[in-house]
Amino acid sequence: MKIKESLQYNGKVLLKERKKQKISRIDIAVKLTLNELQIKSIEENLATGFANNHFKELSIKRYARLLVIPIDKVIPVNNNITNNETNILDNVKNVTLKKYSFILPLALVLFLFVNIFVLNLPEKEVDYLTVNDSIDNISVPLSIEADENALPIEINENDTPPEVAQINYDSSAPDNEALDFICTIDSAADLTNFSTKNPEKPATYFFIISYEAQTFCVIDSNNILKTYNLAEGEKMTHKGTAPFKIQLNPAVSELYFEGWKVQLQNDDFFIKLHPGKINNLD
């Protein structure tokens, strides 16, 4: 996925330092929970691999901290985004009064109308509510009549509202630890696809075992996005509607879907589980 506005930074600094420390691109991807194409996008200043500049900038900062590089050597202080904000303010200042020149004549016409037709009405045509009027004498007609035979609306306490996927971030918040998890599964393009030829279980859930502490996220076909923090040795079942797109650490994960173990490789950080056709589940 291409990013509309370019982010000004020097990816060659990261590339040079990575080679100096003799670290492979795939090892960097594992440590940052990204894929190899996203690391390449950062190092070569490509406009692909990230949903927007915010997520890419966060990943660049994490990459710089991992290599112990001052962030100002990678991202300049005066970024392109700041320049865009300045241009917007300049455009607002350049708005001329001609655009709003119709307001004054309109206000004058309205003023004359009020003075001539409203304020000069005879008193007998104006119905005033005096202090002596009793509140009981004032009747308010009902526009909606209640039907005594109508049944009340039943509320089922067991009903829960549907979950809505929402991704929020606070751009004013300080940076967290260098290796904080960033979920980019909703925009990831390079996914490893898995499907079951002879499924033995329904495709409404998957089961995961995490052999080390990790954070992973999943989004289903209804665009419901969830993020989980698993402790070492923790097991869990995620329920939803397949296909499932998952971002996880394959080196420490054991995954089961439709009754079968998913054969994960070490670079399968972004995967997609497709439902198979179940003939009989007796």
C-alpha atoms as a PDB file:
ATOM      1  CA  MET A   1       0.000   0.000   0.000  1.00  0.00           C
ATOM      2  CA  LYS A   2       1.435   3.352  -1.029  1.00  0.00           C
ATOM      3  CA  ILE A   3       1.664   6.328   1.303  1.00  0.00           C
ATOM      4  CA  LYS A   4       0.180   9.489  -0.203  1.00  0.00           C
ATOM      5  CA  GLU A   5       2.562  12.009   1.396  1.00  0.00           C
ATOM      6  CA  SER A   6       6.302  11.379   1.570  1.00  0.00           C
ATOM      7  CA  LEU A   7       8.042  11.235   4.935  1.00  0.00           C
ATOM      8  CA  GLN A   8      11.377  13.045   5.017  1.00  0.00           C
ATOM      9  CA  TYR A   9      14.069  10.852   6.592  1.00  0.00           C
ATOM     10  CA  ASN A  10      17.441   9.248   5.764  1.00  0.00           C
ATOM     11  CA  GLY A  11      17.032   5.485   5.511  1.00  0.00           C
ATOM     12  CA  LYS A  12      20.624   5.014   4.329  1.00  0.00           C
ATOM     13  CA  VAL A  13      21.822   5.766   7.866  1.00  0.00           C
ATOM     14  CA  LEU A  14      19.916   2.737   9.143  1.00  0.00           C
ATOM     15  CA  LEU A  15      21.075   0.556   6.239  1.00  0.00           C
ATOM     16  CA  LYS A  16      24.726   1.485   6.740  1.00  0.00           C
ATOM     17  CA  GLU A  17      24.628   0.912  10.504  1.00  0.00           C
ATOM     18  CA  ARG A  18      22.834  -2.448  10.124  1.00  0.00           C
ATOM     19  CA  LYS A  19      25.530  -3.710   7.763  1.00  0.00           C
ATOM     20  CA  LYS A  20      28.201  -2.326  10.071  1.00  0.00           C
ATOM     21  CA  GLN A  21      26.758  -4.341  12.963  1.00  0.00           C
ATOM     22  CA  LYS A  22      26.445  -7.370  10.632  1.00  0.00           C
ATOM     23  CA  ILE A  23      22.724  -7.868  11.269  1.00  0.00           C
ATOM     24  CA  SER A  24      20.547  -9.373   8.554  1.00  0.00           C
ATOM     25  CA  ARG A  25      17.381  -7.679   7.370  1.00  0.00           C
ATOM     26  CA  ILE A  26      15.237 -10.629   8.465  1.00  0.00           C
ATOM     27  CA  ASP A  27      16.708 -10.459  11.997  1.00  0.00           C
ATOM     28  CA  ILE A  28      15.741  -6.793  12.211  1.00  0.00           C
ATOM     29  CA  ALA A  29      12.232  -7.688  11.036  1.00  0.00           C
ATOM     30  CA  VAL A  30      11.919 -10.336  13.790  1.00  0.00           C
ATOM     31  CA  LYS A  31      13.016  -7.924  16.521  1.00  0.00           C
ATOM     32  CA  LEU A  32      10.621  -5.184  15.339  1.00  0.00           C
ATOM     33  CA  THR A  33       7.719  -7.583  14.559  1.00  0.00           C
ATOM     34  CA  LEU A  34       7.658  -6.376  10.957  1.00  0.00           C
ATOM     35  CA  ASN A  35       8.245  -8.149   7.661  1.00  0.00           C
ATOM     36  CA  GLU A  36      11.352  -7.962   5.481  1.00  0.00           C
ATOM     37  CA  LEU A  37       9.647  -5.823   2.817  1.00  0.00           C
ATOM     38  CA  GLN A  38       8.788  -3.181   5.436  1.00  0.00           C
ATOM     39  CA  ILE A  39      12.421  -3.041   6.565  1.00  0.00           C
ATOM     40  CA  LYS A  40      13.459  -2.634   2.925  1.00  0.00           C
ATOM     41  CA  SER A  41      10.909   0.163   2.523  1.00  0.00           C
ATOM     42  CA  ILE A  42      12.434   2.005   5.494  1.00  0.00           C
ATOM     43  CA  GLU A  43      16.052   1.565   4.398  1.00  0.00           C
ATOM     44  CA  GLU A  44      15.451   2.517   0.766  1.00  0.00           C
ATOM     45  CA  ASN A  45      12.925   5.328   1.406  1.00  0.00           C
ATOM     46  CA  LEU A  46      10.158   3.527  -0.503  1.00  0.00           C
ATOM     47  CA  ALA A  47       6.533   4.678  -0.386  1.00  0.00           C
ATOM     48  CA  THR A  48       5.175   1.161   0.236  1.00  0.00           C
ATOM     49  CA  GLY A  49       4.663  -1.249   3.106  1.00  0.00           C
ATOM     50  CA  PHE A  50       2.816   0.989   5.593  1.00  0.00           C
ATOM     51  CA  ALA A  51      -0.761   2.265   5.826  1.00  0.00           C
ATOM     52  CA  ASN A  52       0.307   5.832   6.619  1.00  0.00           C
ATOM     53  CA  ASN A  53       3.261   7.991   7.662  1.00  0.00           C
ATOM     54  CA  HIS A  54       2.399   7.712  11.357  1.00  0.00           C
ATOM     55  CA  PHE A  55       3.039   3.959  11.528  1.00  0.00           C
ATOM     56  CA  LYS A  56       6.120   4.248   9.321  1.00  0.00           C
ATOM     57  CA  GLU A  57       7.607   7.009  11.483  1.00  0.00           C
ATOM     58  CA  LEU A  58       7.034   4.921  14.639  1.00  0.00           C
ATOM     59  CA  SER A  59       8.780   1.964  12.998  1.00  0.00           C
ATOM     60  CA  ILE A  60      11.715   4.176  11.925  1.00  0.00           C
ATOM     61  CA  LYS A  61      12.146   5.413  15.511  1.00  0.00           C
ATOM     62  CA  ARG A  62      12.073   1.848  16.852  1.00  0.00           C
ATOM     63  CA  TYR A  63      14.611   0.787  14.214  1.00  0.00           C
ATOM     64  CA  ALA A  64      16.932   3.670  15.158  1.00  0.00           C
ATOM     65  CA  ARG A  65      16.717   2.822  18.856  1.00  0.00           C
ATOM     66  CA  LEU A  66      17.436  -0.831  18.143  1.00  0.00           C
ATOM     67  CA  LEU A  67      20.664   0.153  16.356  1.00  0.00           C
ATOM     68  CA  VAL A  68      21.424   2.836  19.018  1.00  0.00           C
ATOM     69  CA  ILE A  69      21.327   5.696  16.487  1.00  0.00           C
ATOM     70  CA  PRO A  70      20.232   9.234  17.521  1.00  0.00           C
ATOM     71  CA  ILE A  71      16.854   9.791  15.935  1.00  0.00           C
ATOM     72  CA  ASP A  72      17.810  13.278  14.671  1.00  0.00           C
ATOM     73  CA  LYS A  73      20.365  11.641  12.375  1.00  0.00           C
ATOM     74  CA  VAL A  74      17.546   9.739  10.670  1.00  0.00           C
ATOM     75  CA  ILE A  75      14.534  12.072  10.824  1.00  0.00           C
ATOM     76  CA  PRO A  76      15.226  15.827  10.459  1.00  0.00           C
ATOM     77  CA  VAL A  77      13.665  18.215  12.952  1.00  0.00           C
ATOM     78  CA  ASN A  78      11.784  20.176  10.260  1.00  0.00           C
ATOM     79  CA  ASN A  79       9.670  17.421   8.729  1.00  0.00           C
ATOM     80  CA  ASN A  80       7.563  17.652   5.593  1.00  0.00           C
ATOM     81  CA  ILE A  81       4.401  17.287   7.637  1.00  0.00           C
ATOM     82  CA  THR A  82       5.155  20.546   9.469  1.00  0.00           C
ATOM     83  CA  ASN A  83       5.542  22.306   6.128  1.00  0.00           C
ATOM     84  CA  ASN A  84       2.151  21.021   5.011  1.00  0.00           C
ATOM     85  CA  GLU A  85       0.535  22.434   8.147  1.00  0.00           C
ATOM     86  CA  THR A  86       2.161  25.808   7.476  1.00  0.00           C
ATOM     87  CA  ASN A  87       0.838  25.815   3.917  1.00  0.00           C
ATOM     88  CA  ILE A  88      -2.677  25.163   5.179  1.00  0.00           C
ATOM     89  CA  LEU A  89      -2.459  28.136   7.554  1.00  0.00           C
ATOM     90  CA  ASP A  90      -1.176  30.346   4.750  1.00  0.00           C
ATOM     91  CA  ASN A  91      -4.102  29.357   2.547  1.00  0.00           C
ATOM     92  CA  VAL A  92      -6.546  30.284   5.304  1.00  0.00           C
ATOM     93  CA  LYS A  93      -4.937  33.712   5.700  1.00  0.00           C
ATOM     94  CA  ASN A  94      -5.224  34.374   1.953  1.00  0.00           C
ATOM     95  CA  VAL A  95      -9.021  34.082   1.901  1.00  0.00           C
ATOM     96  CA  THR A  96     -10.375  37.462   0.688  1.00  0.00           C
ATOM     97  CA  LEU A  97     -13.440  39.338   1.845  1.00  0.00           C
ATOM     98  CA  LYS A  98     -14.973  38.991  -1.623  1.00  0.00           C
ATOM     99  CA  LYS A  99     -16.022  35.460  -0.769  1.00  0.00           C
ATOM    100  CA  TYR A 100     -18.237  36.836   2.018  1.00  0.00           C
ATOM    101  CA  SER A 101     -19.329  40.117   0.373  1.00  0.00           C
ATOM    102  CA  PHE A 102     -22.954  38.934   0.116  1.00  0.00           C
ATOM    103  CA  ILE A 103     -23.385  38.838   3.911  1.00  0.00           C
ATOM    104  CA  LEU A 104     -23.699  42.630   4.434  1.00  0.00           C
ATOM    105  CA  PRO A 105     -26.547  43.207   1.904  1.00  0.00           C
ATOM    106  CA  LEU A 106     -28.366  40.149   3.221  1.00  0.00           C
ATOM    107  CA  ALA A 107     -28.137  41.411   6.790  1.00  0.00           C
ATOM    108  CA  LEU A 108     -29.461  44.830   5.723  1.00  0.00           C
ATOM    109  CA  VAL A 109     -32.494  43.293   3.980  1.00  0.00           C
ATOM    110  CA  LEU A 110     -33.232  41.139   7.025  1.00  0.00           C
ATOM    111  CA  PHE A 111     -33.010  44.194   9.317  1.00  0.00           C
ATOM    112  CA  LEU A 112     -35.494  46.160   7.184  1.00  0.00           C
ATOM    113  CA  PHE A 113     -37.902  43.224   7.047  1.00  0.00           C
ATOM    114  CA  VAL A 114     -37.941  42.872  10.841  1.00  0.00           C
ATOM    115  CA  ASN A 115     -38.542  46.601  11.382  1.00  0.00           C
ATOM    116  CA  ILE A 116     -41.293  46.961   8.770  1.00  0.00           C
ATOM    117  CA  PHE A 117     -43.281  43.747   9.011  1.00  0.00           C
ATOM    118  CA  VAL A 118     -42.642  42.425  12.514  1.00  0.00           C
ATOM    119  CA  LEU A 119     -42.160  45.335  14.902  1.00  0.00           C
ATOM    120  CA  ASN A 120     -45.066  47.354  13.378  1.00  0.00           C
ATOM    121  CA  LEU A 121     -47.754  44.700  13.830  1.00  0.00           C
ATOM    122  CA  PRO A 122     -50.939  45.936  15.634  1.00  0.00           C
ATOM    123  CA  GLU A 123     -51.172  44.938  19.254  1.00  0.00           C
ATOM    124  CA  LYS A 124     -54.494  43.122  18.767  1.00  0.00           C
ATOM    125  CA  GLU A 125     -52.803  40.576  16.524  1.00  0.00           C
ATOM    126  CA  VAL A 126     -50.242  39.665  19.150  1.00  0.00           C
ATOM    127  CA  ASP A 127     -51.296  37.160  21.767  1.00  0.00           C
ATOM    128  CA  TYR A 128     -49.319  37.710  24.960  1.00  0.00           C
ATOM    129  CA  LEU A 129     -49.055  35.326  27.900  1.00  0.00           C
ATOM    130  CA  THR A 130     -49.495  37.384  31.046  1.00  0.00           C
ATOM    131  CA  VAL A 131     -48.388  36.627  34.578  1.00  0.00           C
ATOM    132  CA  ASN A 132     -52.023  36.191  35.666  1.00  0.00           C
ATOM    133  CA  ASP A 133     -52.618  33.341  33.248  1.00  0.00           C
ATOM    134  CA  SER A 134     -52.862  30.029  35.077  1.00  0.00           C
ATOM    135  CA  ILE A 135     -50.556  27.259  33.953  1.00  0.00           C
ATOM    136  CA  ASP A 136     -53.575  24.951  34.002  1.00  0.00           C
ATOM    137  CA  ASN A 137     -55.186  26.958  31.204  1.00  0.00           C
ATOM    138  CA  ILE A 138     -52.298  26.306  28.843  1.00  0.00           C
ATOM    139  CA  SER A 139     -52.833  23.165  26.812  1.00  0.00           C
ATOM    140  CA  VAL A 140     -50.123  21.493  24.785  1.00  0.00           C
ATOM    141  CA  PRO A 141     -51.398  19.158  22.051  1.00  0.00           C
ATOM    142  CA  LEU A 142     -49.710  15.778  21.829  1.00  0.00           C
ATOM    143  CA  SER A 143     -48.367  14.913  18.401  1.00  0.00           C
ATOM    144  CA  ILE A 144     -47.957  11.217  19.308  1.00  0.00           C
ATOM    145  CA  GLU A 145     -50.718   9.253  21.032  1.00  0.00           C
ATOM    146  CA  ALA A 146     -49.753   6.302  23.181  1.00  0.00           C
ATOM    147  CA  ASP A 147     -51.338   2.969  22.256  1.00  0.00           C
ATOM    148  CA  GLU A 148     -52.400   1.180  25.429  1.00  0.00           C
ATOM    149  CA  ASN A 149     -52.524  -2.141  23.578  1.00  0.00           C
ATOM    150  CA  ALA A 150     -48.994  -1.813  22.237  1.00  0.00           C
ATOM    151  CA  LEU A 151     -46.470  -4.264  23.667  1.00  0.00           C
ATOM    152  CA  PRO A 152     -43.412  -2.846  25.458  1.00  0.00           C
ATOM    153  CA  ILE A 153     -39.989  -3.248  23.872  1.00  0.00           C
ATOM    154  CA  GLU A 154     -38.208  -6.195  25.418  1.00  0.00           C
ATOM    155  CA  ILE A 155     -34.523  -5.791  26.219  1.00  0.00           C
ATOM    156  CA  ASN A 156     -32.499  -8.953  26.381  1.00  0.00           C
ATOM    157  CA  GLU A 157     -29.765  -8.521  28.969  1.00  0.00           C
ATOM    158  CA  ASN A 158     -27.715 -11.213  27.236  1.00  0.00           C
ATOM    159  CA  ASP A 159     -27.560  -9.230  23.997  1.00  0.00           C
ATOM    160  CA  THR A 160     -24.246  -7.511  23.531  1.00  0.00           C
ATOM    161  CA  PRO A 161     -23.532  -4.773  21.008  1.00  0.00           C
ATOM    162  CA  PRO A 162     -21.387  -5.764  18.017  1.00  0.00           C
ATOM    163  CA  GLU A 163     -17.716  -5.127  18.333  1.00  0.00           C
ATOM    164  CA  VAL A 164     -16.294  -2.389  16.129  1.00  0.00           C
ATOM    165  CA  ALA A 165     -12.675  -2.361  15.028  1.00  0.00           C
ATOM    166  CA  GLN A 166     -11.081   0.948  15.918  1.00  0.00           C
ATOM    167  CA  ILE A 167      -7.452   1.951  15.833  1.00  0.00           C
ATOM    168  CA  ASN A 168      -6.588   5.009  17.914  1.00  0.00           C
ATOM    169  CA  TYR A 169      -3.269   6.596  18.657  1.00  0.00           C
ATOM    170  CA  ASP A 170      -2.215   9.682  20.572  1.00  0.00           C
ATOM    171  CA  SER A 171       0.238  11.644  18.462  1.00  0.00           C
ATOM    172  CA  SER A 172       1.086  13.880  21.431  1.00  0.00           C
ATOM    173  CA  ALA A 173       2.052  11.005  23.713  1.00  0.00           C
ATOM    174  CA  PRO A 174       5.774  10.346  24.318  1.00  0.00           C
ATOM    175  CA  ASP A 175       7.459   7.413  22.620  1.00  0.00           C
ATOM    176  CA  ASN A 176       7.228   4.156  24.519  1.00  0.00           C
ATOM    177  CA  GLU A 177       9.920   1.521  24.758  1.00  0.00           C
ATOM    178  CA  ALA A 178      11.991   0.902  21.658  1.00  0.00           C
ATOM    179  CA  LEU A 179      10.413  -2.420  20.764  1.00  0.00           C
ATOM    180  CA  ASP A 180       6.713  -1.698  21.408  1.00  0.00           C
ATOM    181  CA  PHE A 181       4.369  -3.780  19.258  1.00  0.00           C
ATOM    182  CA  ILE A 182       2.732  -1.973  16.305  1.00  0.00           C
ATOM    183  CA  CYS A 183      -0.149  -3.801  14.632  1.00  0.00           C
ATOM    184  CA  THR A 184      -0.095  -3.267  10.843  1.00  0.00           C
ATOM    185  CA  ILE A 185      -2.012  -6.382   9.794  1.00  0.00           C
ATOM    186  CA  ASP A 186      -4.902  -4.313   8.366  1.00  0.00           C
ATOM    187  CA  SER A 187      -2.586  -2.815   5.723  1.00  0.00           C
ATOM    188  CA  ALA A 188      -0.077  -5.652   5.253  1.00  0.00           C
ATOM    189  CA  ALA A 189       0.187  -6.795   1.637  1.00  0.00           C
ATOM    190  CA  ASP A 190       2.763  -9.595   1.881  1.00  0.00           C
ATOM    191  CA  LEU A 191       0.830 -12.359   3.685  1.00  0.00           C
ATOM    192  CA  THR A 192       1.467 -16.101   3.769  1.00  0.00           C
ATOM    193  CA  ASN A 193      -1.785 -17.918   2.961  1.00  0.00           C
ATOM    194  CA  PHE A 194      -2.867 -21.167   4.627  1.00  0.00           C
ATOM    195  CA  SER A 195      -5.879 -23.359   3.861  1.00  0.00           C
ATOM    196  CA  THR A 196      -7.076 -26.787   5.014  1.00  0.00           C
ATOM    197  CA  LYS A 197      -7.887 -29.484   2.473  1.00  0.00           C
ATOM    198  CA  ASN A 198      -9.758 -31.724   4.903  1.00  0.00           C
ATOM    199  CA  PRO A 199     -10.939 -29.582   7.838  1.00  0.00           C
ATOM    200  CA  GLU A 200     -12.106 -31.412  10.942  1.00  0.00           C
ATOM    201  CA  LYS A 201     -13.274 -28.387  12.941  1.00  0.00           C
ATOM    202  CA  PRO A 202     -15.333 -25.297  12.050  1.00  0.00           C
ATOM    203  CA  ALA A 203     -13.556 -22.173  10.790  1.00  0.00           C
ATOM    204  CA  THR A 204     -15.047 -19.946  13.494  1.00  0.00           C
ATOM    205  CA  TYR A 205     -11.953 -19.929  15.726  1.00  0.00           C
ATOM    206  CA  PHE A 206      -8.254 -20.729  15.963  1.00  0.00           C
ATOM    207  CA  PHE A 207      -6.106 -21.908  18.894  1.00  0.00           C
ATOM    208  CA  ILE A 208      -2.649 -20.528  19.726  1.00  0.00           C
ATOM    209  CA  ILE A 209       0.107 -21.483  22.173  1.00  0.00           C
ATOM    210  CA  SER A 210       2.819 -18.896  22.916  1.00  0.00           C
ATOM    211  CA  TYR A 211       6.122 -20.318  24.174  1.00  0.00           C
ATOM    212  CA  GLU A 212       7.403 -16.840  25.034  1.00  0.00           C
ATOM    213  CA  ALA A 213       5.720 -13.584  26.005  1.00  0.00           C
ATOM    214  CA  GLN A 214       4.449 -11.816  22.887  1.00  0.00           C
ATOM    215  CA  THR A 215       1.797  -9.449  21.537  1.00  0.00           C
ATOM    216  CA  PHE A 216      -0.165 -10.441  18.448  1.00  0.00           C
ATOM    217  CA  CYS A 217      -3.182  -9.043  16.610  1.00  0.00           C
ATOM    218  CA  VAL A 218      -5.872 -10.502  14.355  1.00  0.00           C
ATOM    219  CA  ILE A 219      -8.552  -9.100  12.048  1.00  0.00           C
ATOM    220  CA  ASP A 220     -11.397 -11.230  10.676  1.00  0.00           C
ATOM    221  CA  SER A 221     -13.636 -10.957   7.609  1.00  0.00           C
ATOM    222  CA  ASN A 222     -15.941  -8.529   9.469  1.00  0.00           C
ATOM    223  CA  ASN A 223     -12.987  -6.132   9.984  1.00  0.00           C
ATOM    224  CA  ILE A 224     -13.054  -6.733  13.750  1.00  0.00           C
ATOM    225  CA  LEU A 225      -9.511  -6.105  14.983  1.00  0.00           C
ATOM    226  CA  LYS A 226      -8.231  -7.424  18.315  1.00  0.00           C
ATOM    227  CA  THR A 227      -4.823  -7.329  20.001  1.00  0.00           C
ATOM    228  CA  TYR A 228      -3.724  -9.838  22.651  1.00  0.00           C
ATOM    229  CA  ASN A 229      -0.826  -9.898  25.128  1.00  0.00           C
ATOM    230  CA  LEU A 230       0.218 -13.471  25.884  1.00  0.00           C
ATOM    231  CA  ALA A 231       2.514 -14.543  28.694  1.00  0.00           C
ATOM    232  CA  GLU A 232       5.091 -17.310  28.358  1.00  0.00           C
ATOM    233  CA  GLY A 233       3.307 -20.644  27.927  1.00  0.00           C
ATOM    234  CA  GLU A 234      -0.138 -19.056  27.673  1.00  0.00           C
ATOM    235  CA  LYS A 235      -2.825 -20.661  25.487  1.00  0.00           C
ATOM    236  CA  MET A 236      -5.971 -19.080  24.082  1.00  0.00           C
ATOM    237  CA  THR A 237      -8.783 -19.459  21.550  1.00  0.00           C
ATOM    238  CA  HIS A 238      -9.847 -16.559  19.339  1.00  0.00           C
ATOM    239  CA  LYS A 239     -13.376 -16.692  17.918  1.00  0.00           C
ATOM    240  CA  GLY A 240     -14.539 -14.821  14.840  1.00  0.00           C
ATOM    241  CA  THR A 241     -15.380 -15.145  11.162  1.00  0.00           C
ATOM    242  CA  ALA A 242     -12.759 -16.552   8.783  1.00  0.00           C
ATOM    243  CA  PRO A 243     -10.635 -15.774   6.915  1.00  0.00           C
ATOM    244  CA  PHE A 244      -8.371 -14.533   9.722  1.00  0.00           C
ATOM    245  CA  LYS A 245      -5.384 -12.234   9.081  1.00  0.00           C
ATOM    246  CA  ILE A 246      -2.847 -12.550  11.918  1.00  0.00           C
ATOM    247  CA  GLN A 247       0.358 -10.699  12.850  1.00  0.00           C
ATOM    248  CA  LEU A 248       2.460 -12.723  15.286  1.00  0.00           C
ATOM    249  CA  ASN A 249       5.948 -14.020  16.099  1.00  0.00           C
ATOM    250  CA  PRO A 250       6.082 -17.410  14.338  1.00  0.00           C
ATOM    251  CA  ALA A 251       9.255 -18.499  16.159  1.00  0.00           C
ATOM    252  CA  VAL A 252       7.443 -18.700  19.504  1.00  0.00           C
ATOM    253  CA  SER A 253       3.930 -19.609  18.310  1.00  0.00           C
ATOM    254  CA  GLU A 254       2.083 -22.878  17.781  1.00  0.00           C
ATOM    255  CA  LEU A 255      -1.157 -22.379  15.837  1.00  0.00           C
ATOM    256  CA  TYR A 256      -4.108 -24.701  15.152  1.00  0.00           C
ATOM    257  CA  PHE A 257      -6.974 -24.078  12.708  1.00  0.00           C
ATOM    258  CA  GLU A 258      -9.857 -26.329  11.652  1.00  0.00           C
ATOM    259  CA  GLY A 259      -8.390 -29.207  13.672  1.00  0.00           C
ATOM    260  CA  TRP A 260      -4.931 -29.036  12.053  1.00  0.00           C
ATOM    261  CA  LYS A 261      -1.596 -27.513  13.062  1.00  0.00           C
ATOM    262  CA  VAL A 262      -0.520 -24.563  10.899  1.00  0.00           C
ATOM    263  CA  GLN A 263       3.028 -25.148   9.628  1.00  0.00           C
ATOM    264  CA  LEU A 264       4.573 -21.747  10.374  1.00  0.00           C
ATOM    265  CA  GLN A 265       7.989 -20.744   9.049  1.00  0.00           C
ATOM    266  CA  ASN A 266      10.321 -18.303  10.814  1.00  0.00           C
ATOM    267  CA  ASP A 267       9.453 -15.440   8.449  1.00  0.00           C
ATOM    268  CA  ASP A 268       5.653 -15.903   8.592  1.00  0.00           C
ATOM    269  CA  PHE A 269       4.968 -12.752  10.618  1.00  0.00           C
ATOM    270  CA  PHE A 270       1.862 -11.913   8.562  1.00  0.00           C
ATOM    271  CA  ILE A 271      -0.419 -14.834   7.703  1.00  0.00           C
ATOM    272  CA  LYS A 272      -3.973 -15.447   6.481  1.00  0.00           C
ATOM    273  CA  LEU A 273      -6.065 -18.491   7.440  1.00  0.00           C
ATOM    274  CA  HIS A 274      -8.619 -19.409   4.764  1.00  0.00           C
ATOM    275  CA  PRO A 275     -11.595 -21.626   5.670  1.00  0.00           C
ATOM    276  CA  GLY A 276     -11.826 -25.020   4.000  1.00  0.00           C
ATOM    277  CA  LYS A 277     -14.988 -26.786   2.886  1.00  0.00           C
ATOM    278  CA  ILE A 278     -16.349 -29.078   5.598  1.00  0.00           C
ATOM    279  CA  ASN A 279     -18.454 -31.943   4.307  1.00  0.00           C
ATOM    280  CA  ASN A 280     -19.371 -33.571   7.601  1.00  0.00           C
ATOM    281  CA  LEU A 281     -18.633 -32.702  11.220  1.00  0.00           C
ATOM    282  CA  ASP A 282     -20.352 -35.673  12.945  1.00  0.00           C
END
